[in-house]
N, C-alpha and C. Protein backbone atom coordinates (compact mmCIF):
# COMPACT_ATOMS: atom_id res chain seq x y z
N UNK A 1 98.80 109.91 101.37
CA UNK A 1 97.71 108.94 101.40
C UNK A 1 98.33 107.53 101.39
N UNK A 2 97.62 106.60 101.96
CA UNK A 2 98.10 105.20 101.87
C UNK A 2 97.52 104.57 100.64
N UNK A 3 98.22 103.48 100.24
CA UNK A 3 97.70 102.74 99.13
C UNK A 3 96.79 101.55 99.69
N UNK A 4 96.07 100.89 98.77
CA UNK A 4 95.04 99.92 99.11
C UNK A 4 95.63 98.76 100.02
N UNK A 5 96.88 98.45 99.86
CA UNK A 5 97.41 97.35 100.57
C UNK A 5 98.05 97.62 101.94
N UNK A 6 98.43 98.89 102.19
CA UNK A 6 99.06 99.21 103.44
C UNK A 6 98.09 99.43 104.58
N UNK A 7 98.51 99.17 105.78
CA UNK A 7 97.65 99.33 107.00
C UNK A 7 97.97 100.68 107.71
N UNK A 8 96.95 101.30 108.18
CA UNK A 8 97.16 102.54 108.93
C UNK A 8 97.42 102.16 110.37
N UNK A 9 96.80 101.12 110.85
CA UNK A 9 96.85 100.69 112.24
C UNK A 9 97.24 99.20 112.27
N UNK A 10 98.25 98.86 113.02
CA UNK A 10 98.68 97.37 113.16
C UNK A 10 98.17 96.79 114.42
N UNK A 11 97.91 95.50 114.36
CA UNK A 11 97.49 94.74 115.46
C UNK A 11 98.55 94.61 116.51
N UNK A 12 98.34 94.99 117.78
CA UNK A 12 99.39 94.88 118.78
C UNK A 12 99.65 93.39 119.15
N UNK A 13 100.88 93.14 119.56
CA UNK A 13 101.35 91.81 119.94
C UNK A 13 100.95 91.45 121.35
N UNK A 14 100.70 92.53 122.23
CA UNK A 14 100.39 92.33 123.66
C UNK A 14 99.22 93.21 124.05
N UNK A 15 98.52 92.81 125.13
CA UNK A 15 97.43 93.62 125.57
C UNK A 15 96.35 92.78 126.21
N UNK A 16 95.27 93.43 126.56
CA UNK A 16 94.14 92.78 127.11
C UNK A 16 93.23 92.24 126.04
N UNK A 17 92.58 91.10 126.26
CA UNK A 17 91.69 90.53 125.28
C UNK A 17 90.37 90.17 125.88
N UNK A 18 89.36 90.59 125.13
CA UNK A 18 87.96 90.23 125.47
C UNK A 18 87.59 89.10 124.46
N UNK A 19 87.52 87.87 125.00
CA UNK A 19 87.26 86.69 124.08
C UNK A 19 85.88 86.68 123.51
N UNK A 20 85.67 85.86 122.51
CA UNK A 20 84.43 85.79 121.78
C UNK A 20 83.23 85.44 122.66
N UNK A 21 83.44 84.66 123.62
CA UNK A 21 82.32 84.25 124.48
C UNK A 21 82.02 85.26 125.68
N UNK A 22 82.79 86.29 125.77
CA UNK A 22 82.59 87.23 126.86
C UNK A 22 81.69 88.37 126.43
N UNK A 23 80.83 88.81 127.43
CA UNK A 23 80.02 89.95 127.30
C UNK A 23 80.29 90.95 128.45
N UNK A 24 80.69 92.11 128.18
CA UNK A 24 80.97 93.09 129.19
C UNK A 24 79.86 94.19 129.24
N UNK A 25 79.13 94.34 130.31
CA UNK A 25 78.20 95.39 130.47
C UNK A 25 78.74 96.38 131.41
N UNK A 26 79.26 97.55 130.82
CA UNK A 26 79.88 98.57 131.58
C UNK A 26 81.09 99.19 130.80
N UNK A 27 81.55 100.24 131.27
CA UNK A 27 82.70 101.00 130.69
C UNK A 27 83.99 100.32 130.95
N UNK A 28 84.96 100.41 130.05
CA UNK A 28 86.25 99.90 130.18
C UNK A 28 87.27 100.98 130.04
N UNK A 29 88.37 100.90 130.85
CA UNK A 29 89.47 101.86 130.78
C UNK A 29 90.69 101.07 130.90
N UNK A 30 91.73 101.31 129.95
CA UNK A 30 92.92 100.53 130.00
C UNK A 30 94.10 101.41 129.56
N UNK A 31 95.25 101.05 130.12
CA UNK A 31 96.57 101.74 129.77
C UNK A 31 97.32 100.93 128.80
N UNK A 32 96.82 99.72 128.45
CA UNK A 32 97.50 98.89 127.48
C UNK A 32 96.47 98.61 126.33
N UNK A 33 96.97 98.06 125.21
CA UNK A 33 96.21 97.81 124.05
C UNK A 33 95.09 96.76 124.34
N UNK A 34 94.03 96.80 123.57
CA UNK A 34 92.91 95.85 123.84
C UNK A 34 92.49 95.24 122.52
N UNK A 35 92.24 93.98 122.56
CA UNK A 35 91.72 93.25 121.46
C UNK A 35 90.39 92.64 121.80
N UNK A 36 89.33 92.99 121.01
CA UNK A 36 87.97 92.66 121.40
C UNK A 36 87.42 91.68 120.37
N UNK A 37 87.14 90.45 120.83
CA UNK A 37 86.51 89.43 119.98
C UNK A 37 85.02 89.29 120.45
N UNK A 38 84.72 89.68 121.66
CA UNK A 38 83.40 89.52 122.25
C UNK A 38 82.57 90.76 122.09
N UNK A 39 81.66 90.93 123.12
CA UNK A 39 80.77 92.11 123.10
C UNK A 39 80.96 93.05 124.29
N UNK A 40 81.04 94.30 124.06
CA UNK A 40 81.14 95.40 125.05
C UNK A 40 79.98 96.29 124.98
N UNK A 41 79.16 96.36 125.93
CA UNK A 41 78.02 97.29 126.03
C UNK A 41 78.45 98.46 127.02
N UNK A 42 79.19 99.34 126.48
CA UNK A 42 79.71 100.51 127.26
C UNK A 42 80.84 101.18 126.55
N UNK A 43 81.26 102.27 127.10
CA UNK A 43 82.33 103.08 126.48
C UNK A 43 83.69 102.50 126.85
N UNK A 44 84.68 102.76 125.88
CA UNK A 44 86.04 102.23 126.00
C UNK A 44 86.96 103.43 125.89
N UNK A 45 87.87 103.59 126.92
CA UNK A 45 88.88 104.56 126.86
C UNK A 45 90.25 103.81 127.02
N UNK A 46 91.07 104.00 126.07
CA UNK A 46 92.34 103.24 126.03
C UNK A 46 93.50 104.15 125.66
N UNK A 47 94.64 104.08 126.36
CA UNK A 47 95.81 104.84 126.04
C UNK A 47 96.60 104.33 124.88
N UNK A 48 96.27 103.10 124.43
CA UNK A 48 97.03 102.53 123.29
C UNK A 48 96.06 102.19 122.24
N UNK A 49 96.20 100.97 121.55
CA UNK A 49 95.46 100.57 120.35
C UNK A 49 94.24 99.75 120.80
N UNK A 50 93.14 99.99 120.15
CA UNK A 50 91.93 99.16 120.36
C UNK A 50 91.63 98.46 119.00
N UNK A 51 91.56 97.12 119.03
CA UNK A 51 91.22 96.31 117.86
C UNK A 51 89.91 95.60 118.11
N UNK A 52 88.94 95.84 117.23
CA UNK A 52 87.64 95.17 117.33
C UNK A 52 87.67 94.13 116.15
N UNK A 53 87.87 92.84 116.50
CA UNK A 53 87.94 91.79 115.51
C UNK A 53 86.56 91.55 114.80
N UNK A 54 86.54 90.75 113.77
CA UNK A 54 85.28 90.49 112.99
C UNK A 54 84.13 90.07 113.90
N UNK A 55 84.40 89.26 114.92
CA UNK A 55 83.35 88.79 115.85
C UNK A 55 83.04 89.82 116.93
N UNK A 56 83.81 90.92 117.02
CA UNK A 56 83.62 91.91 118.09
C UNK A 56 82.46 92.83 117.88
N UNK A 57 81.77 93.23 118.93
CA UNK A 57 80.73 94.21 118.89
C UNK A 57 80.89 95.13 120.03
N UNK A 58 80.83 96.48 119.80
CA UNK A 58 80.90 97.46 120.79
C UNK A 58 79.75 98.39 120.64
N UNK A 59 78.96 98.61 121.71
CA UNK A 59 77.85 99.50 121.79
C UNK A 59 78.24 100.62 122.72
N UNK A 60 78.97 101.61 122.18
CA UNK A 60 79.46 102.70 123.07
C UNK A 60 80.56 103.49 122.31
N UNK A 61 81.05 104.51 122.95
CA UNK A 61 82.12 105.39 122.42
C UNK A 61 83.42 104.72 122.62
N UNK A 62 84.34 104.83 121.66
CA UNK A 62 85.68 104.32 121.77
C UNK A 62 86.66 105.50 121.62
N UNK A 63 87.52 105.75 122.66
CA UNK A 63 88.58 106.77 122.59
C UNK A 63 89.85 106.00 122.84
N UNK A 64 90.85 106.18 121.90
CA UNK A 64 92.12 105.49 121.94
C UNK A 64 93.11 106.26 121.21
N UNK A 65 94.40 105.77 121.34
CA UNK A 65 95.50 106.26 120.52
C UNK A 65 95.32 105.94 119.09
N UNK A 66 94.87 104.66 118.79
CA UNK A 66 94.57 104.22 117.46
C UNK A 66 93.44 103.13 117.52
N UNK A 67 92.66 103.05 116.48
CA UNK A 67 91.54 102.06 116.47
C UNK A 67 91.54 101.36 115.15
N UNK A 68 91.49 100.01 115.21
CA UNK A 68 91.32 99.11 114.02
C UNK A 68 89.94 98.41 114.24
N UNK A 69 89.07 98.65 113.33
CA UNK A 69 87.69 98.03 113.39
C UNK A 69 87.49 97.10 112.24
N UNK A 70 87.25 95.84 112.63
CA UNK A 70 86.89 94.75 111.64
C UNK A 70 85.47 94.30 111.93
N UNK A 71 84.90 94.55 113.16
CA UNK A 71 83.62 94.10 113.52
C UNK A 71 82.61 95.21 113.45
N UNK A 72 81.73 95.32 114.52
CA UNK A 72 80.61 96.25 114.55
C UNK A 72 80.74 97.22 115.75
N UNK A 73 80.56 98.50 115.48
CA UNK A 73 80.55 99.48 116.55
C UNK A 73 79.27 100.33 116.33
N UNK A 74 78.52 100.47 117.41
CA UNK A 74 77.45 101.47 117.43
C UNK A 74 77.77 102.58 118.41
N UNK A 75 78.42 103.51 117.94
CA UNK A 75 78.93 104.67 118.72
C UNK A 75 80.11 105.28 118.05
N UNK A 76 80.55 106.51 118.55
CA UNK A 76 81.59 107.25 117.90
C UNK A 76 82.93 106.66 118.17
N UNK A 77 83.86 107.00 117.20
CA UNK A 77 85.26 106.60 117.34
C UNK A 77 86.09 107.88 117.39
N UNK A 78 87.00 107.97 118.33
CA UNK A 78 87.98 109.09 118.46
C UNK A 78 89.33 108.56 118.67
N UNK A 79 90.30 108.85 117.72
CA UNK A 79 91.66 108.41 117.91
C UNK A 79 92.53 109.15 116.88
N UNK A 80 93.85 109.15 117.08
CA UNK A 80 94.75 109.77 116.09
C UNK A 80 94.65 109.03 114.77
N UNK A 81 94.67 107.75 114.81
CA UNK A 81 94.55 106.90 113.51
C UNK A 81 93.38 105.95 113.69
N UNK A 82 92.54 105.96 112.66
CA UNK A 82 91.42 105.02 112.69
C UNK A 82 91.33 104.35 111.34
N UNK A 83 91.24 103.01 111.42
CA UNK A 83 91.12 102.18 110.19
C UNK A 83 89.95 101.27 110.32
N UNK A 84 89.11 101.23 109.28
CA UNK A 84 88.03 100.31 109.21
C UNK A 84 88.26 99.30 108.11
N UNK A 85 88.35 98.01 108.45
CA UNK A 85 88.55 96.99 107.43
C UNK A 85 87.33 96.72 106.67
N UNK A 86 87.44 95.87 105.69
CA UNK A 86 86.37 95.62 104.75
C UNK A 86 85.15 95.08 105.40
N UNK A 87 85.30 94.31 106.54
CA UNK A 87 84.13 93.77 107.19
C UNK A 87 83.50 94.70 108.26
N UNK A 88 84.12 95.85 108.48
CA UNK A 88 83.71 96.77 109.52
C UNK A 88 82.35 97.43 109.22
N UNK A 89 81.59 97.65 110.31
CA UNK A 89 80.31 98.37 110.22
C UNK A 89 80.24 99.34 111.36
N UNK A 90 80.25 100.66 111.10
CA UNK A 90 80.22 101.63 112.09
C UNK A 90 78.94 102.50 111.97
N UNK A 91 78.22 102.63 113.09
CA UNK A 91 77.11 103.60 113.15
C UNK A 91 77.55 104.62 114.18
N UNK A 92 78.03 105.80 113.76
CA UNK A 92 78.55 106.81 114.66
C UNK A 92 79.58 107.67 113.90
N UNK A 93 80.01 108.72 114.55
CA UNK A 93 80.95 109.57 113.84
C UNK A 93 82.44 109.13 114.04
N UNK A 94 83.28 109.68 113.24
CA UNK A 94 84.71 109.44 113.33
C UNK A 94 85.45 110.80 113.48
N UNK A 95 86.28 110.86 114.52
CA UNK A 95 87.18 112.04 114.70
C UNK A 95 88.56 111.51 114.89
N UNK A 96 89.41 111.91 113.78
CA UNK A 96 90.74 111.31 113.77
C UNK A 96 91.68 112.35 113.15
N UNK A 97 93.02 112.07 113.21
CA UNK A 97 93.96 112.75 112.48
C UNK A 97 94.11 112.21 111.07
N UNK A 98 94.08 110.85 111.01
CA UNK A 98 94.12 110.10 109.77
C UNK A 98 93.10 108.96 109.84
N UNK A 99 92.36 108.81 108.70
CA UNK A 99 91.35 107.73 108.72
C UNK A 99 91.36 106.99 107.39
N UNK A 100 91.17 105.72 107.39
CA UNK A 100 91.13 104.85 106.22
C UNK A 100 89.92 103.96 106.37
N UNK A 101 89.02 104.07 105.39
CA UNK A 101 87.71 103.34 105.47
C UNK A 101 87.65 102.36 104.35
N UNK A 102 87.48 101.11 104.68
CA UNK A 102 87.25 99.98 103.64
C UNK A 102 85.93 99.31 103.85
N UNK A 103 85.28 99.60 105.02
CA UNK A 103 83.97 98.99 105.32
C UNK A 103 82.90 99.96 105.13
N UNK A 104 81.84 99.89 106.10
CA UNK A 104 80.71 100.73 105.99
C UNK A 104 80.64 101.73 107.20
N UNK A 105 80.27 102.99 106.93
CA UNK A 105 80.16 104.00 107.91
C UNK A 105 78.80 104.67 107.71
N UNK A 106 78.06 104.86 108.83
CA UNK A 106 76.83 105.62 108.80
C UNK A 106 77.00 106.71 109.86
N UNK A 107 77.59 107.83 109.50
CA UNK A 107 77.94 108.92 110.44
C UNK A 107 78.90 109.90 109.84
N UNK A 108 79.06 111.05 110.47
CA UNK A 108 79.94 112.12 109.98
C UNK A 108 81.47 111.66 110.25
N UNK A 109 82.31 112.31 109.40
CA UNK A 109 83.71 112.00 109.48
C UNK A 109 84.50 113.32 109.50
N UNK A 110 85.32 113.54 110.52
CA UNK A 110 86.27 114.60 110.60
C UNK A 110 87.65 114.06 110.75
N UNK A 111 88.47 114.18 109.72
CA UNK A 111 89.84 113.68 109.79
C UNK A 111 90.77 114.88 109.57
N UNK A 112 91.47 115.24 110.55
CA UNK A 112 92.31 116.44 110.57
C UNK A 112 93.48 116.55 109.49
N UNK A 113 93.95 115.42 109.12
CA UNK A 113 95.07 115.35 108.13
C UNK A 113 94.68 114.73 106.78
N UNK A 114 94.15 113.46 106.85
CA UNK A 114 93.79 112.75 105.63
C UNK A 114 92.76 111.72 105.82
N UNK A 115 92.01 111.48 104.75
CA UNK A 115 90.97 110.42 104.79
C UNK A 115 91.02 109.74 103.42
N UNK A 116 90.99 108.37 103.56
CA UNK A 116 90.92 107.49 102.34
C UNK A 116 89.69 106.64 102.42
N UNK A 117 88.87 106.71 101.40
CA UNK A 117 87.71 105.83 101.25
C UNK A 117 88.06 104.83 100.15
N UNK A 118 88.23 103.60 100.58
CA UNK A 118 88.75 102.55 99.72
C UNK A 118 87.73 102.05 98.74
N UNK A 119 88.11 101.23 97.82
CA UNK A 119 87.33 100.79 96.65
C UNK A 119 85.97 100.24 97.07
N UNK A 120 85.86 99.37 98.02
CA UNK A 120 84.53 98.71 98.33
C UNK A 120 83.86 99.43 99.55
N UNK A 121 84.36 100.52 100.00
CA UNK A 121 83.79 101.28 101.15
C UNK A 121 82.46 101.93 100.77
N UNK A 122 81.59 102.02 101.81
CA UNK A 122 80.30 102.66 101.57
C UNK A 122 80.15 103.64 102.77
N UNK A 123 80.10 104.99 102.55
CA UNK A 123 79.97 105.98 103.58
C UNK A 123 78.69 106.72 103.37
N UNK A 124 77.84 106.73 104.38
CA UNK A 124 76.58 107.51 104.43
C UNK A 124 76.78 108.53 105.49
N UNK A 125 76.85 109.85 105.10
CA UNK A 125 77.23 110.87 106.03
C UNK A 125 76.44 112.13 105.81
N UNK A 126 76.39 112.95 106.81
CA UNK A 126 75.91 114.33 106.59
C UNK A 126 77.01 115.15 106.03
N UNK A 127 78.18 114.94 106.68
CA UNK A 127 79.39 115.76 106.35
C UNK A 127 80.63 114.90 106.51
N UNK A 128 81.49 115.07 105.51
CA UNK A 128 82.80 114.36 105.43
C UNK A 128 83.84 115.42 105.25
N UNK A 129 84.79 115.66 106.22
CA UNK A 129 85.65 116.81 106.14
C UNK A 129 87.11 116.36 106.40
N UNK A 130 88.02 116.80 105.52
CA UNK A 130 89.47 116.55 105.81
C UNK A 130 90.26 117.44 104.78
N UNK A 131 91.49 117.79 105.13
CA UNK A 131 92.28 118.55 104.13
C UNK A 131 92.53 117.74 102.83
N UNK A 132 92.83 116.51 102.99
CA UNK A 132 93.21 115.61 101.83
C UNK A 132 92.21 114.43 101.89
N UNK A 133 91.44 114.25 100.83
CA UNK A 133 90.52 113.12 100.73
C UNK A 133 90.76 112.37 99.44
N UNK A 134 90.97 111.07 99.61
CA UNK A 134 91.17 110.10 98.46
C UNK A 134 89.96 109.21 98.43
N UNK A 135 89.15 109.29 97.28
CA UNK A 135 87.95 108.45 97.25
C UNK A 135 88.08 107.50 96.14
N UNK A 136 87.99 106.19 96.51
CA UNK A 136 87.99 105.09 95.58
C UNK A 136 86.65 104.33 95.66
N UNK A 137 85.85 104.61 96.65
CA UNK A 137 84.55 103.87 96.87
C UNK A 137 83.43 104.84 96.80
N UNK A 138 82.43 104.72 97.66
CA UNK A 138 81.17 105.40 97.56
C UNK A 138 80.95 106.34 98.81
N UNK A 139 80.54 107.60 98.57
CA UNK A 139 80.16 108.50 99.72
C UNK A 139 78.76 109.10 99.28
N UNK A 140 77.84 109.05 100.26
CA UNK A 140 76.58 109.78 100.03
C UNK A 140 76.54 110.84 101.17
N UNK A 141 76.58 112.08 100.82
CA UNK A 141 76.63 113.18 101.72
C UNK A 141 77.52 114.27 101.27
N UNK A 142 77.64 115.38 102.03
CA UNK A 142 78.45 116.48 101.70
C UNK A 142 79.90 116.17 101.96
N UNK A 143 80.81 116.57 101.06
CA UNK A 143 82.22 116.35 101.13
C UNK A 143 82.92 117.69 101.10
N UNK A 144 83.86 117.98 102.07
CA UNK A 144 84.64 119.16 102.07
C UNK A 144 86.12 118.80 102.18
N UNK A 145 86.87 119.10 101.17
CA UNK A 145 88.33 118.85 101.15
C UNK A 145 88.97 120.24 101.16
N UNK A 146 89.57 120.64 102.27
CA UNK A 146 90.18 121.92 102.51
C UNK A 146 91.44 122.10 101.61
N UNK A 147 92.08 121.03 101.10
CA UNK A 147 93.24 121.07 100.27
C UNK A 147 92.97 120.41 98.95
N UNK A 148 92.82 119.04 98.99
CA UNK A 148 92.77 118.25 97.75
C UNK A 148 91.69 117.17 97.90
N UNK A 149 90.88 117.05 96.88
CA UNK A 149 89.91 115.90 96.72
C UNK A 149 90.38 115.18 95.50
N UNK A 150 90.74 113.93 95.73
CA UNK A 150 91.27 112.97 94.66
C UNK A 150 90.28 111.91 94.47
N UNK A 151 89.60 111.91 93.31
CA UNK A 151 88.58 110.90 92.98
C UNK A 151 89.12 109.94 91.95
N UNK A 152 89.10 108.62 92.27
CA UNK A 152 89.64 107.65 91.43
C UNK A 152 88.59 107.00 90.60
N UNK A 153 89.02 106.28 89.60
CA UNK A 153 88.09 105.56 88.68
C UNK A 153 87.25 104.62 89.44
N UNK A 154 85.92 104.69 89.15
CA UNK A 154 84.93 103.92 89.85
C UNK A 154 84.33 104.46 91.13
N UNK A 155 84.90 105.54 91.56
CA UNK A 155 84.45 106.21 92.77
C UNK A 155 83.15 106.98 92.54
N UNK A 156 82.32 107.15 93.56
CA UNK A 156 81.07 107.91 93.43
C UNK A 156 80.80 108.73 94.68
N UNK A 157 80.50 110.01 94.46
CA UNK A 157 80.10 110.85 95.52
C UNK A 157 78.65 111.39 95.13
N UNK A 158 77.70 111.12 96.00
CA UNK A 158 76.36 111.64 95.88
C UNK A 158 76.11 112.72 96.90
N UNK A 159 76.39 113.94 96.49
CA UNK A 159 76.23 115.08 97.46
C UNK A 159 77.07 116.23 97.02
N UNK A 160 76.88 117.40 97.58
CA UNK A 160 77.61 118.53 97.25
C UNK A 160 79.03 118.49 97.74
N UNK A 161 79.97 119.03 97.03
CA UNK A 161 81.40 118.98 97.24
C UNK A 161 82.00 120.42 97.26
N UNK A 162 82.80 120.65 98.34
CA UNK A 162 83.57 121.85 98.42
C UNK A 162 85.08 121.50 98.44
N UNK A 163 85.77 122.12 97.46
CA UNK A 163 87.21 121.70 97.36
C UNK A 163 88.09 122.92 97.17
N UNK A 164 89.33 122.88 97.48
CA UNK A 164 90.35 123.76 97.04
C UNK A 164 90.91 123.33 95.74
N UNK A 165 91.28 122.11 95.69
CA UNK A 165 91.76 121.50 94.41
C UNK A 165 91.05 120.14 94.19
N UNK A 166 90.71 119.86 92.93
CA UNK A 166 90.02 118.65 92.55
C UNK A 166 90.96 117.91 91.57
N UNK A 167 91.17 116.60 91.82
CA UNK A 167 91.95 115.79 90.92
C UNK A 167 91.14 114.59 90.66
N UNK A 168 91.08 114.13 89.39
CA UNK A 168 90.34 112.94 89.02
C UNK A 168 91.20 112.07 88.20
N UNK A 169 90.80 110.73 88.32
CA UNK A 169 91.48 109.71 87.52
C UNK A 169 90.41 108.87 86.99
N UNK A 170 90.37 108.63 85.72
CA UNK A 170 89.40 107.69 85.12
C UNK A 170 88.00 108.23 85.22
N UNK A 171 87.02 107.28 85.48
CA UNK A 171 85.62 107.61 85.43
C UNK A 171 84.99 107.74 86.87
N UNK A 172 85.50 108.59 87.67
CA UNK A 172 84.93 108.90 88.96
C UNK A 172 83.71 109.76 88.73
N UNK A 173 82.68 109.69 89.61
CA UNK A 173 81.41 110.37 89.53
C UNK A 173 81.13 111.26 90.66
N UNK A 174 80.67 112.47 90.40
CA UNK A 174 80.10 113.35 91.43
C UNK A 174 78.66 113.77 90.99
N UNK A 175 77.73 113.44 91.85
CA UNK A 175 76.32 113.78 91.59
C UNK A 175 75.95 114.85 92.66
N UNK A 176 76.11 116.12 92.27
CA UNK A 176 75.89 117.22 93.20
C UNK A 176 76.67 118.46 92.70
N UNK A 177 76.53 119.53 93.48
CA UNK A 177 77.12 120.76 93.12
C UNK A 177 78.62 120.71 93.56
N UNK A 178 79.49 121.34 92.84
CA UNK A 178 80.85 121.49 93.18
C UNK A 178 81.18 122.96 93.32
N UNK A 179 81.74 123.35 94.53
CA UNK A 179 82.16 124.73 94.69
C UNK A 179 83.59 124.73 95.19
N UNK A 180 84.31 125.83 94.91
CA UNK A 180 85.67 125.89 95.15
C UNK A 180 86.05 126.94 96.31
N UNK A 181 86.95 126.49 97.28
CA UNK A 181 87.36 127.42 98.23
C UNK A 181 88.26 128.48 97.57
N UNK A 182 88.08 129.70 97.96
CA UNK A 182 88.93 130.76 97.36
C UNK A 182 89.78 131.30 98.59
N UNK A 183 91.14 131.38 98.29
CA UNK A 183 92.03 131.90 99.35
C UNK A 183 91.73 133.40 99.58
N UNK A 184 91.64 133.73 100.93
CA UNK A 184 91.39 135.11 101.25
C UNK A 184 92.72 135.90 101.10
N UNK A 185 92.73 136.85 100.17
CA UNK A 185 93.98 137.63 99.92
C UNK A 185 94.18 138.65 101.02
N UNK A 186 93.31 139.58 101.11
CA UNK A 186 93.38 140.61 102.17
C UNK A 186 91.94 141.19 102.32
N UNK A 187 91.38 140.96 103.52
CA UNK A 187 90.00 141.34 103.74
C UNK A 187 89.87 142.90 103.70
N UNK A 188 90.91 143.62 103.98
CA UNK A 188 90.80 145.10 104.00
C UNK A 188 90.78 145.73 102.63
N UNK A 189 91.15 145.03 101.55
CA UNK A 189 91.18 145.61 100.22
C UNK A 189 89.91 145.58 99.54
């Protein structure tokens, strides 16, 4: 898991830029990184990194190698690494290998390796699933940690939790039922 100060996704030095005064109506496809300060009303497919700055707005699905969101997205995000900064607002699901949330999410999260919900993050979800989940902020919805759920001081989960292992530090809160995954030894016995 990453700590509060480290970044999962870095801003690329080169690539295409949609400036603050630009509005694109239609889908975009790029083989190089994209930095979006303006508005895109359409889907984005990118072979590299997509960065949506604080002034950026995307109304559509984003598929990329990595995504850094500081602005607003109304649509799903799919990438190996996804990071939402503190000013980020996402309405849509997240599908990633690794995800780090510091802003707001209204949608389901599936992170295949790890998920970090930072201190000021607010996640409203039906389901949040990852092998390793570190919670420092707020989650409302069901949480499933296939390996480890680590709840830090000040964190809150409002919803049912399924875990293999639960680790707590300080005064984290869970308001809901907690159930434990049990390893299948041998189904024939």
